[in-house]
Protein backbone atom coordinates (compact mmCIF):
# COMPACT_ATOMS: atom_id res chain seq x y z
CA MET A 1 -40.52 -10.68 75.99
CA SER A 2 -40.72 -7.73 78.36
CA HIS A 3 -39.48 -7.34 81.93
CA ILE A 4 -41.96 -5.12 83.74
CA THR A 5 -42.88 -4.50 87.36
CA ILE A 6 -45.36 -1.95 88.66
CA PRO A 7 -44.60 -0.94 92.29
CA GLU A 8 -47.27 -1.99 94.77
CA GLY A 9 -49.69 0.85 95.46
CA TYR A 10 -48.46 2.94 92.52
CA GLN A 11 -50.85 5.63 91.32
CA SER A 12 -50.21 8.23 88.66
CA LEU A 13 -49.93 11.72 90.13
CA LEU A 14 -51.77 13.20 87.13
CA GLY A 15 -54.76 12.04 85.12
CA LEU A 16 -54.58 11.23 81.43
CA TYR A 17 -55.38 14.70 80.07
CA ASP A 18 -53.15 16.53 82.57
CA THR A 19 -50.36 14.07 81.74
CA GLN A 20 -50.63 14.98 78.06
CA LYS A 21 -50.67 18.68 78.92
CA ALA A 22 -47.65 18.30 81.19
CA ILE A 23 -45.68 16.41 78.51
CA GLY A 24 -46.14 19.35 76.14
CA LEU A 25 -45.03 21.84 78.78
CA ILE A 26 -41.95 19.81 79.71
CA LYS A 27 -40.79 19.60 76.11
CA THR A 28 -41.30 23.33 75.54
CA ILE A 29 -39.79 24.56 78.82
CA PHE A 30 -36.78 22.25 78.91
CA GLN A 31 -35.69 22.85 75.31
CA GLU A 32 -35.77 26.60 75.92
CA LYS A 33 -33.68 26.29 79.09
CA LEU A 34 -31.21 23.88 77.47
CA CYS A 35 -30.69 26.21 74.50
CA MET A 36 -30.06 29.15 76.83
CA ALA A 37 -27.63 27.21 79.03
CA LEU A 38 -25.52 25.73 76.22
CA HIS A 39 -26.00 28.41 73.50
CA LEU A 40 -27.76 26.09 71.07
CA LYS A 41 -29.84 26.74 67.96
CA ARG A 42 -32.61 24.36 66.93
CA VAL A 43 -32.17 22.61 63.57
CA THR A 44 -34.00 19.95 61.57
CA ALA A 45 -32.45 16.49 61.53
CA PRO A 46 -32.82 13.30 59.45
CA LEU A 47 -34.94 10.29 60.34
CA PHE A 48 -32.75 8.08 58.15
CA VAL A 49 -29.30 8.12 56.54
CA MET A 50 -27.59 6.22 53.73
CA GLN A 51 -26.25 2.79 54.61
CA GLY A 52 -22.47 2.80 54.48
CA SER A 53 -22.09 6.52 55.10
CA GLY A 54 -20.71 5.94 58.59
CA LEU A 55 -23.18 8.48 59.99
CA ASN A 56 -25.42 6.08 61.88
CA ASP A 57 -24.71 5.41 65.54
CA ASP A 58 -23.60 1.82 66.18
CA LEU A 59 -24.55 1.98 69.89
CA ASN A 60 -23.10 -1.19 71.47
CA GLY A 61 -22.23 -2.67 68.09
CA VAL A 62 -24.85 -5.44 68.11
CA GLU A 63 -28.12 -3.57 67.53
CA ARG A 64 -29.53 -3.94 64.02
CA PRO A 65 -30.72 -0.75 62.32
CA VAL A 66 -34.06 -0.76 60.54
CA SER A 67 -33.12 -0.61 56.86
CA PHE A 68 -35.05 -0.28 53.63
CA ASP A 69 -34.33 0.12 49.93
CA VAL A 70 -34.90 3.40 48.09
CA PRO A 71 -35.57 2.40 44.46
CA SER A 72 -35.38 5.94 43.11
CA LEU A 73 -31.84 6.27 44.47
CA ASN A 74 -30.81 2.63 44.00
CA GLU A 75 -29.53 2.77 47.58
CA GLN A 76 -30.22 1.27 51.02
CA ALA A 77 -31.19 3.62 53.83
CA GLU A 78 -31.20 3.12 57.62
CA VAL A 79 -33.40 4.64 60.30
CA VAL A 80 -31.05 6.41 62.70
CA HIS A 81 -30.18 4.94 66.09
CA SER A 82 -29.10 8.39 67.20
CA LEU A 83 -27.53 11.45 65.61
CA ALA A 84 -24.16 11.36 67.39
CA LYS A 85 -22.11 11.53 64.19
CA TRP A 86 -24.58 13.43 62.00
CA LYS A 87 -24.56 16.41 64.39
CA ARG A 88 -20.80 16.81 64.13
CA TYR A 89 -21.01 16.70 60.37
CA ALA A 90 -23.83 19.28 60.48
CA LEU A 91 -21.73 21.68 62.56
CA TYR A 92 -19.01 21.39 59.91
CA LYS A 93 -21.50 22.07 57.11
CA TYR A 94 -23.10 25.03 58.92
CA GLY A 95 -19.71 26.56 59.71
CA PHE A 96 -20.37 26.91 63.44
CA ARG A 97 -17.60 28.35 65.63
CA PRO A 98 -16.45 27.38 69.17
CA GLY A 99 -19.15 28.11 71.73
CA GLN A 100 -21.96 27.62 69.21
CA GLY A 101 -24.11 24.52 68.92
CA ILE A 102 -27.29 22.86 67.71
CA VAL A 103 -30.17 20.90 69.19
CA THR A 104 -32.75 18.80 67.41
CA ASP A 105 -35.61 16.40 68.04
CA MET A 106 -34.33 12.90 67.38
CA ASN A 107 -36.77 10.07 66.74
CA ALA A 108 -35.40 6.56 66.35
CA VAL A 109 -36.47 2.95 66.11
CA ARG A 110 -34.36 0.44 68.04
CA ARG A 111 -35.79 -2.92 67.07
CA ASP A 112 -33.56 -4.99 69.35
CA GLU A 113 -34.29 -3.05 72.54
CA GLU A 114 -35.37 -5.20 75.48
CA LEU A 115 -38.68 -3.85 76.74
CA ASP A 116 -39.11 -2.91 80.39
CA ASN A 117 -40.32 0.03 82.47
CA LEU A 118 -37.66 2.34 81.03
CA HIS A 119 -37.08 0.96 77.53
CA SER A 120 -39.14 1.06 74.33
CA ILE A 121 -38.38 0.33 70.69
CA TYR A 122 -39.28 3.99 70.07
CA VAL A 123 -36.66 6.50 71.22
CA ASP A 124 -37.23 10.24 71.42
CA GLN A 125 -34.54 12.57 72.67
CA TRP A 126 -33.03 16.00 72.34
CA ASP A 127 -29.78 15.49 70.46
CA TRP A 128 -27.37 18.39 70.95
CA GLU A 129 -23.84 19.14 69.79
CA ARG A 130 -21.52 22.08 70.42
CA VAL A 131 -18.19 23.18 68.92
CA ILE A 132 -15.38 23.38 71.47
CA THR A 133 -11.69 24.26 71.50
CA ALA A 134 -8.77 21.90 72.10
CA ASP A 135 -8.20 23.25 75.63
CA GLN A 136 -11.81 22.43 76.55
CA ARG A 137 -11.26 18.70 76.06
CA THR A 138 -11.05 18.15 79.82
CA LEU A 139 -13.05 16.43 82.56
CA GLU A 140 -13.51 19.83 84.22
CA PHE A 141 -15.29 21.24 81.17
CA LEU A 142 -17.36 18.08 80.88
CA GLN A 143 -18.46 18.45 84.51
CA GLU A 144 -19.30 22.12 84.03
CA THR A 145 -21.57 21.22 81.13
CA VAL A 146 -23.22 18.43 83.14
CA ARG A 147 -24.07 20.95 85.87
CA ASP A 148 -25.65 23.26 83.28
CA ILE A 149 -27.86 20.42 82.01
CA VAL A 150 -28.87 19.38 85.54
CA ASP A 151 -29.75 23.01 86.33
CA ALA A 152 -32.01 23.08 83.24
CA VAL A 153 -33.72 19.84 84.39
CA CYS A 154 -34.28 21.14 87.91
CA ALA A 155 -35.52 24.54 86.69
CA THR A 156 -38.01 22.76 84.42
CA SER A 157 -39.18 20.69 87.38
CA ASP A 158 -39.67 23.84 89.47
CA GLU A 159 -41.89 25.47 86.83
CA LEU A 160 -43.86 22.28 86.30
CA ARG A 161 -44.57 21.83 90.00
CA TRP A 162 -46.06 25.31 90.20
CA LYS A 163 -48.40 24.51 87.32
CA PHE A 164 -49.38 21.10 88.74
CA PRO A 165 -49.61 21.26 92.57
CA GLU A 166 -50.08 17.47 92.66
CA LEU A 167 -46.35 17.15 91.95
CA LYS A 168 -45.10 19.50 94.67
CA ASN A 169 -44.87 17.00 97.52
CA ASN A 170 -43.80 14.05 95.39
CA ILE A 171 -41.09 15.18 92.94
CA HIS A 172 -37.84 16.41 94.45
CA LEU A 173 -34.62 16.51 92.44
CA ARG A 174 -31.18 17.17 93.90
CA ARG A 175 -29.32 19.94 92.06
CA GLU A 176 -25.89 19.00 93.41
CA VAL A 177 -24.23 16.41 91.16
CA ALA A 178 -22.05 13.58 92.52
CA PHE A 179 -19.31 12.73 90.00
CA ILE A 180 -17.59 9.34 89.85
CA THR A 181 -15.64 7.35 87.25
CA THR A 182 -16.58 3.82 86.28
CA GLN A 183 -13.32 2.55 87.82
CA GLU A 184 -14.03 4.36 91.09
CA LEU A 185 -17.51 2.85 91.01
CA GLU A 186 -16.09 -0.66 90.54
CA ASP A 187 -13.58 -0.08 93.35
CA ARG A 188 -16.40 1.09 95.62
CA TYR A 189 -18.77 -1.81 94.85
CA PRO A 190 -16.51 -4.65 93.62
CA ASP A 191 -19.13 -7.39 94.12
CA PHE A 192 -21.94 -5.55 92.31
CA THR A 193 -22.92 -5.64 88.66
CA PRO A 194 -22.58 -2.31 86.79
CA LYS A 195 -26.33 -1.71 87.07
CA GLN A 196 -26.32 -2.50 90.79
CA ARG A 197 -23.45 -0.02 91.25
CA GLU A 198 -25.42 2.69 89.48
CA ASN A 199 -28.48 2.04 91.64
CA ALA A 200 -26.50 2.07 94.89
CA PHE A 201 -24.65 5.29 94.07
CA ALA A 202 -27.75 7.07 92.76
CA LYS A 203 -29.80 6.06 95.80
CA GLU A 204 -27.14 7.57 98.05
CA HIS A 205 -26.61 10.81 96.11
CA GLY A 206 -29.82 11.46 94.15
CA THR A 207 -28.22 13.06 91.09
CA VAL A 208 -25.06 11.46 89.70
CA CYS A 209 -22.68 11.59 86.76
CA ILE A 210 -20.80 8.41 85.88
CA MET A 211 -17.71 9.19 83.80
CA GLN A 212 -15.31 7.30 81.51
CA ILE A 213 -17.56 4.68 79.92
CA GLY A 214 -16.49 2.27 77.19
CA GLY A 215 -13.02 1.05 78.06
CA GLN A 216 -12.13 -2.04 80.08
CA LEU A 217 -11.94 -1.75 83.85
CA LYS A 218 -9.33 -3.43 86.07
CA SER A 219 -11.66 -6.42 86.37
CA GLY A 220 -11.45 -6.93 82.61
CA ILE A 221 -15.11 -6.01 82.01
CA ARG A 222 -16.68 -2.84 80.67
CA HIS A 223 -19.12 -0.84 82.75
CA ASP A 224 -21.22 -0.42 79.60
CA GLY A 225 -20.73 -0.46 75.85
CA ARG A 226 -20.04 2.67 73.85
CA ALA A 227 -19.37 3.00 70.13
CA PRO A 228 -15.67 3.73 69.53
CA ASP A 229 -16.09 6.52 67.00
CA TYR A 230 -18.02 9.35 68.65
CA ASP A 231 -17.34 9.74 72.42
CA ASP A 232 -13.81 9.83 73.79
CA TRP A 233 -14.03 7.03 76.37
CA THR A 234 -11.86 9.04 78.79
CA LEU A 235 -14.08 12.15 78.48
CA ASN A 236 -17.69 10.91 78.43
CA CYS A 237 -20.42 10.27 80.97
CA ASP A 238 -24.01 9.35 81.80
CA ILE A 239 -26.30 11.56 83.91
CA LEU A 240 -28.63 9.61 86.23
CA PHE A 241 -31.31 10.61 88.72
CA TRP A 242 -32.81 8.53 91.51
CA HIS A 243 -36.36 7.73 90.36
CA LYS A 244 -38.57 7.53 93.43
CA ALA A 245 -41.53 5.82 91.74
CA LEU A 246 -39.45 2.83 90.57
CA GLY A 247 -36.78 2.87 93.27
CA CYS A 248 -33.92 2.80 90.79
CA ALA A 249 -31.46 4.98 88.91
CA LEU A 250 -32.91 6.53 85.75
CA GLU A 251 -30.36 7.35 83.03
CA LEU A 252 -31.45 10.63 81.50
CA SER A 253 -28.51 11.47 79.28
CA SER A 254 -25.51 9.90 77.60
CA MET A 255 -22.98 12.52 76.51
CA GLY A 256 -19.34 13.33 76.12
CA ILE A 257 -16.50 15.14 74.48
CA ARG A 258 -16.10 13.62 71.03
CA VAL A 259 -13.11 11.75 69.69
CA ASP A 260 -10.27 13.61 68.05
CA PRO A 261 -8.23 11.72 65.41
CA ALA A 262 -5.90 10.16 68.01
CA ALA A 263 -8.72 8.99 70.27
CA MET A 264 -10.72 7.53 67.39
CA THR A 265 -7.74 5.61 66.02
CA ARG A 266 -7.02 4.22 69.49
CA GLN A 267 -10.64 3.24 70.15
CA LEU A 268 -11.23 1.67 66.73
CA GLU A 269 -8.25 -0.58 67.41
CA ALA A 270 -9.48 -1.43 70.91
CA ALA A 271 -12.94 -2.27 69.55
CA GLY A 272 -11.48 -4.44 66.78
CA CYS A 273 -12.93 -2.42 63.90
CA PRO A 274 -10.08 -0.36 62.38
CA GLU A 275 -11.67 -0.80 58.95
CA ARG A 276 -14.23 1.88 59.85
CA ALA A 277 -11.48 4.42 59.26
CA GLU A 278 -12.24 4.04 55.53
CA LEU A 279 -15.87 5.24 55.85
CA PRO A 280 -16.60 8.80 54.60
CA PHE A 281 -17.36 10.32 58.02
CA HIS A 282 -14.32 8.72 59.62
CA LYS A 283 -11.99 9.85 56.82
CA MET A 284 -13.14 13.44 57.30
CA LEU A 285 -12.47 13.22 61.03
CA LEU A 286 -9.03 11.67 60.63
CA GLU A 287 -8.12 14.33 58.06
CA GLY A 288 -8.99 17.07 60.56
CA LYS A 289 -11.90 18.46 58.55
CA LEU A 290 -14.51 18.11 61.31
CA PRO A 291 -14.58 20.51 64.27
CA LEU A 292 -13.82 19.44 67.82
CA THR A 293 -17.17 18.99 69.55
CA MET A 294 -19.02 17.70 72.57
CA GLY A 295 -22.60 16.58 72.66
CA GLY A 296 -25.17 14.07 73.80
CA GLY A 297 -28.73 12.91 73.90
CA ILE A 298 -31.31 13.72 76.57
CA GLY A 299 -34.31 11.40 76.65
CA GLN A 300 -37.60 13.21 76.20
CA SER A 301 -39.81 10.40 77.46
CA ARG A 302 -37.29 9.68 80.24
CA LEU A 303 -37.46 13.33 81.38
CA CYS A 304 -41.26 13.20 81.37
CA MET A 305 -41.18 9.99 83.44
CA LEU A 306 -38.83 11.58 85.95
CA LEU A 307 -40.66 14.89 86.36
CA LEU A 308 -44.13 13.32 86.46
CA GLY A 309 -43.23 10.37 88.68
CA LYS A 310 -44.38 7.78 86.14
CA ALA A 311 -43.69 4.07 86.59
CA HIS A 312 -43.68 3.05 82.90
CA ILE A 313 -42.40 4.79 79.82
CA GLY A 314 -45.62 3.85 77.99
CA GLU A 315 -47.41 6.39 80.21
CA VAL A 316 -45.63 9.25 78.41
CA GLN A 317 -45.11 7.92 74.85
CA VAL A 318 -46.94 5.81 72.28
CA SER A 319 -45.14 2.60 71.31
CA LEU A 320 -45.72 -1.14 70.85
CA TRP A 321 -46.04 -3.48 73.83
CA ASP A 322 -46.42 -7.22 74.26
CA ALA A 323 -49.50 -8.82 75.77
CA GLU A 324 -47.87 -9.33 79.18
CA THR A 325 -46.97 -5.65 79.53
CA LYS A 326 -50.50 -4.61 78.62
CA ALA A 327 -52.00 -7.07 81.08
CA VAL A 328 -49.73 -6.06 83.98
CA CYS A 329 -50.43 -2.37 83.37
CA GLU A 330 -54.18 -2.94 83.08
CA ARG A 331 -54.29 -4.85 86.37
CA ALA A 332 -52.33 -2.05 88.08
CA GLY A 333 -54.49 0.72 86.59
CA VAL A 334 -51.58 2.10 84.55
CA GLN A 335 -52.78 3.83 81.38
CA LEU A 336 -50.50 3.24 78.39
CA LEU A 337 -50.76 5.95 75.75
């Protein structure tokens, strides 16, 4: 069952063909600007990994990966949820040094995703990862990197608006980033749900970065789930923009400085899964074989929605939708790809 609403009076700013053309431009322009800002090299990444390798992303710990048997290998494989752990392993294999990093196109299938205006079972994002030094494991360095990514988003928007004048008076992004921790957000809006807090803060500031996601807050709840074995919960964040077309916060990126051995041990215990320490990836990390890194994912379809003012993610990607979603979109004149 989907949860979809099309704002009253919504009309796409671009027609079908121009939308397709703009999607191609966004993906080309933004990747180039991201690589320049963060010193990244493009690499090829897997669509699936071996079950039991520890390389797949567990997300919130309840999503089921799409798995299948590989008779020729006598093994089970899983379609990736994201490449959070694989990228760190790749940097180790490639021998990258501090200041160097990689970016790749990540395509995933998340079968348990609840469908709405912003969510699909198909996920496409730029997954990036960068080697850092021990003294860069700070909130200040995290914030500096967030600003670089936001600059790349805004610069892409500027170029796009020159190519498509229809966007000039309708798409305005704020370059200045408002930073806040999840605890500060709870203290500010104690009677709101986490999602309501995000919406209120993003509406006020336009472009926001919500930090320190995964651990319990003073209220005893978590702002949001985060797997315990890739981001350091004290050094991670989400980047959100106020999305005018939908009147809500749009999460564009989840990112962070990755766990070191101490942080992973602490977080595996807190999450109640210390047995993961015996998986191949986790053993390498605990033995100090993997480099210190930071990284994240930046949604490709989400970026296209934001920069084109689209009301539904199906306007910028091809996926599967239930009958209700199709009917609501058809009545509103929304063209699903």
